C-alpha atoms as a PDB file:
ATOM      1  CA  UNK A   1       8.411  18.755   4.148  1.00  0.00           C
ATOM      2  CA  UNK A   2       5.432  19.416   6.403  1.00  0.00           C
ATOM      3  CA  UNK A   3       4.317  16.638   8.724  1.00  0.00           C
ATOM      4  CA  UNK A   4       0.780  16.800   7.341  1.00  0.00           C
ATOM      5  CA  UNK A   5       2.080  15.945   3.847  1.00  0.00           C
ATOM      6  CA  UNK A   6       4.134  13.038   5.164  1.00  0.00           C
ATOM      7  CA  UNK A   7       1.091  11.721   7.032  1.00  0.00           C
ATOM      8  CA  UNK A   8      -1.062  12.009   3.921  1.00  0.00           C
ATOM      9  CA  UNK A   9       1.589  10.170   1.897  1.00  0.00           C
ATOM     10  CA  UNK A  10       1.692   7.430   4.529  1.00  0.00           C
ATOM     11  CA  UNK A  11      -2.050   6.904   4.294  1.00  0.00           C
ATOM     12  CA  UNK A  12      -2.047   6.900   0.501  1.00  0.00           C
ATOM     13  CA  UNK A  13       0.694   4.257   0.581  1.00  0.00           C
ATOM     14  CA  UNK A  14      -1.274   2.285   3.177  1.00  0.00           C
ATOM     15  CA  UNK A  15      -4.369   2.209   0.976  1.00  0.00           C
ATOM     16  CA  UNK A  16      -2.324   1.288  -2.111  1.00  0.00           C
ATOM     17  CA  UNK A  17      -0.496  -1.435  -0.186  1.00  0.00           C
ATOM     18  CA  UNK A  18      -3.665  -3.023   1.140  1.00  0.00           C
ATOM     19  CA  UNK A  19      -5.263  -2.855  -2.312  1.00  0.00           C
ATOM     20  CA  UNK A  20      -2.189  -4.366  -3.980  1.00  0.00           C
ATOM     21  CA  UNK A  21      -2.196  -7.217  -1.450  1.00  0.00           C
ATOM     22  CA  UNK A  22      -5.870  -8.038  -2.191  1.00  0.00           C
ATOM     23  CA  UNK A  23      -7.183  -6.757   1.135  1.00  0.00           C
ATOM     24  CA  UNK A  24      -9.949  -4.274   1.811  1.00  0.00           C
ATOM     25  CA  UNK A  25      -8.287  -0.956   1.079  1.00  0.00           C
ATOM     26  CA  UNK A  26     -10.304   1.210   3.465  1.00  0.00           C
ATOM     27  CA  UNK A  27     -12.315   0.005   6.445  1.00  0.00           C
ATOM     28  CA  UNK A  28     -14.390   2.133   8.802  1.00  0.00           C
ATOM     29  CA  UNK A  29     -11.870   1.562  11.591  1.00  0.00           C
ATOM     30  CA  UNK A  30      -8.995   2.514   9.303  1.00  0.00           C
ATOM     31  CA  UNK A  31     -10.751   5.641   8.049  1.00  0.00           C
ATOM     32  CA  UNK A  32     -11.456   6.828  11.605  1.00  0.00           C
ATOM     33  CA  UNK A  33      -7.845   6.130  12.606  1.00  0.00           C
ATOM     34  CA  UNK A  34      -6.546   7.986   9.564  1.00  0.00           C
ATOM     35  CA  UNK A  35      -8.749  11.003  10.259  1.00  0.00           C
ATOM     36  CA  UNK A  36      -7.683  11.093  13.922  1.00  0.00           C
ATOM     37  CA  UNK A  37      -3.971  10.855  13.078  1.00  0.00           C
ATOM     38  CA  UNK A  38      -4.226  13.565  10.429  1.00  0.00           C
ATOM     39  CA  UNK A  39      -6.066  15.904  12.818  1.00  0.00           C
ATOM     40  CA  UNK A  40      -3.568  15.330  15.648  1.00  0.00           C
ATOM     41  CA  UNK A  41      -0.500  15.741  13.442  1.00  0.00           C
ATOM     42  CA  UNK A  42      -1.988  18.787  11.694  1.00  0.00           C
ATOM     43  CA  UNK A  43      -2.685  20.361  15.093  1.00  0.00           C
ATOM     44  CA  UNK A  44       0.926  19.767  16.151  1.00  0.00           C
ATOM     45  CA  UNK A  45       2.350  20.857  12.785  1.00  0.00           C
ATOM     46  CA  UNK A  46       3.166  24.433  13.663  1.00  0.00           C
ATOM     47  CA  UNK A  47       4.993  26.384  16.295  1.00  0.00           C
ATOM     48  CA  UNK A  48       7.075  24.737  18.992  1.00  0.00           C
ATOM     49  CA  UNK A  49       5.523  21.284  18.474  1.00  0.00           C
ATOM     50  CA  UNK A  50       6.472  21.031  14.807  1.00  0.00           C
ATOM     51  CA  UNK A  51       9.488  18.712  15.440  1.00  0.00           C
ATOM     52  CA  UNK A  52       7.217  16.341  17.380  1.00  0.00           C
ATOM     53  CA  UNK A  53       4.709  16.298  14.533  1.00  0.00           C
ATOM     54  CA  UNK A  54       7.448  15.627  11.984  1.00  0.00           C
ATOM     55  CA  UNK A  55       8.830  12.796  14.089  1.00  0.00           C
ATOM     56  CA  UNK A  56       5.417  11.182  14.435  1.00  0.00           C
ATOM     57  CA  UNK A  57       4.708  11.571  10.731  1.00  0.00           C
ATOM     58  CA  UNK A  58       8.003   9.985   9.687  1.00  0.00           C
ATOM     59  CA  UNK A  59       7.476   7.135  12.174  1.00  0.00           C
ATOM     60  CA  UNK A  60       4.032   6.566  10.701  1.00  0.00           C
ATOM     61  CA  UNK A  61       5.469   6.524   7.177  1.00  0.00           C
ATOM     62  CA  UNK A  62       8.179   4.057   8.241  1.00  0.00           C
ATOM     63  CA  UNK A  63       5.566   1.794   9.860  1.00  0.00           C
ATOM     64  CA  UNK A  64       3.495   1.772   6.658  1.00  0.00           C
ATOM     65  CA  UNK A  65       6.462   1.073   4.393  1.00  0.00           C
ATOM     66  CA  UNK A  66       7.828  -1.694   6.636  1.00  0.00           C
ATOM     67  CA  UNK A  67       4.404  -3.292   7.142  1.00  0.00           C
ATOM     68  CA  UNK A  68       3.503  -6.721   5.715  1.00  0.00           C
ATOM     69  CA  UNK A  69       1.037  -4.970   3.398  1.00  0.00           C
ATOM     70  CA  UNK A  70       3.550  -2.507   2.018  1.00  0.00           C
ATOM     71  CA  UNK A  71       2.818  -1.223  -1.483  1.00  0.00           C
ATOM     72  CA  UNK A  72       6.054  -2.287  -3.148  1.00  0.00           C
ATOM     73  CA  UNK A  73       5.701  -5.969  -2.250  1.00  0.00           C
ATOM     74  CA  UNK A  74       2.027  -5.922  -3.201  1.00  0.00           C
ATOM     75  CA  UNK A  75       2.779  -4.450  -6.615  1.00  0.00           C
ATOM     76  CA  UNK A  76       5.569  -6.987  -7.187  1.00  0.00           C
ATOM     77  CA  UNK A  77       3.224  -9.834  -6.183  1.00  0.00           C
ATOM     78  CA  UNK A  78       0.554  -8.534  -8.558  1.00  0.00           C
ATOM     79  CA  UNK A  79       3.030  -8.343 -11.444  1.00  0.00           C
ATOM     80  CA  UNK A  80       4.358 -11.837 -10.708  1.00  0.00           C
ATOM     81  CA  UNK A  81       0.832 -13.254 -10.507  1.00  0.00           C
ATOM     82  CA  UNK A  82      -0.020 -11.666 -13.851  1.00  0.00           C
ATOM     83  CA  UNK A  83       3.117 -13.131 -15.432  1.00  0.00           C
ATOM     84  CA  UNK A  84       2.354 -16.548 -13.924  1.00  0.00           C
ATOM     85  CA  UNK A  85      -1.171 -16.354 -15.325  1.00  0.00           C
ATOM     86  CA  UNK A  86       0.176 -15.450 -18.767  1.00  0.00           C
ATOM     87  CA  UNK A  87       2.635 -18.373 -18.677  1.00  0.00           C
ATOM     88  CA  UNK A  88      -0.110 -20.758 -17.565  1.00  0.00           C
ATOM     89  CA  UNK A  89      -2.444 -19.538 -20.298  1.00  0.00           C
ATOM     90  CA  UNK A  90       0.262 -19.939 -22.953  1.00  0.00           C
ATOM     91  CA  UNK A  91       1.150 -23.408 -21.652  1.00  0.00           C
ATOM     92  CA  UNK A  92      -2.467 -24.596 -21.677  1.00  0.00           C
ATOM     93  CA  UNK A  93      -2.949 -23.204 -25.202  1.00  0.00           C
ATOM     94  CA  UNK A  94       0.120 -25.076 -26.453  1.00  0.00           C
ATOM     95  CA  UNK A  95      -0.969 -28.275 -24.666  1.00  0.00           C
ATOM     96  CA  UNK A  96      -4.469 -28.094 -26.154  1.00  0.00           C
ATOM     97  CA  UNK A  97      -3.007 -27.513 -29.620  1.00  0.00           C
ATOM     98  CA  UNK A  98      -0.723 -30.538 -29.195  1.00  0.00           C
ATOM     99  CA  UNK A  99      -3.630 -32.688 -27.996  1.00  0.00           C
ATOM    100  CA  UNK A 100      -5.653 -31.803 -31.096  1.00  0.00           C
ATOM    101  CA  UNK A 101      -2.846 -32.765 -33.460  1.00  0.00           C
ATOM    102  CA  UNK A 102      -1.717 -35.880 -31.596  1.00  0.00           C
END
């Protein structure tokens, strides 16, 4: 897999992870950093420097996945929050129905 693709995947996962953790998905600083990293890795992604580019890209992907804002944990938190909200809504509906009858 080309280093440019791995870098792009890392940034997509970074945006998804920040969004899933209720943080600003893309900031100006983040966008500039992303553009710089993509340009540097794309420039290295060919010829004798290709192994260096691949190494950097995989390190970047590992850093994104192991970050506190990783996408998997954010998605799990979002699902759990939705289930908690559904349980709370059902509980309050049952309690209000019991209060009306009692």
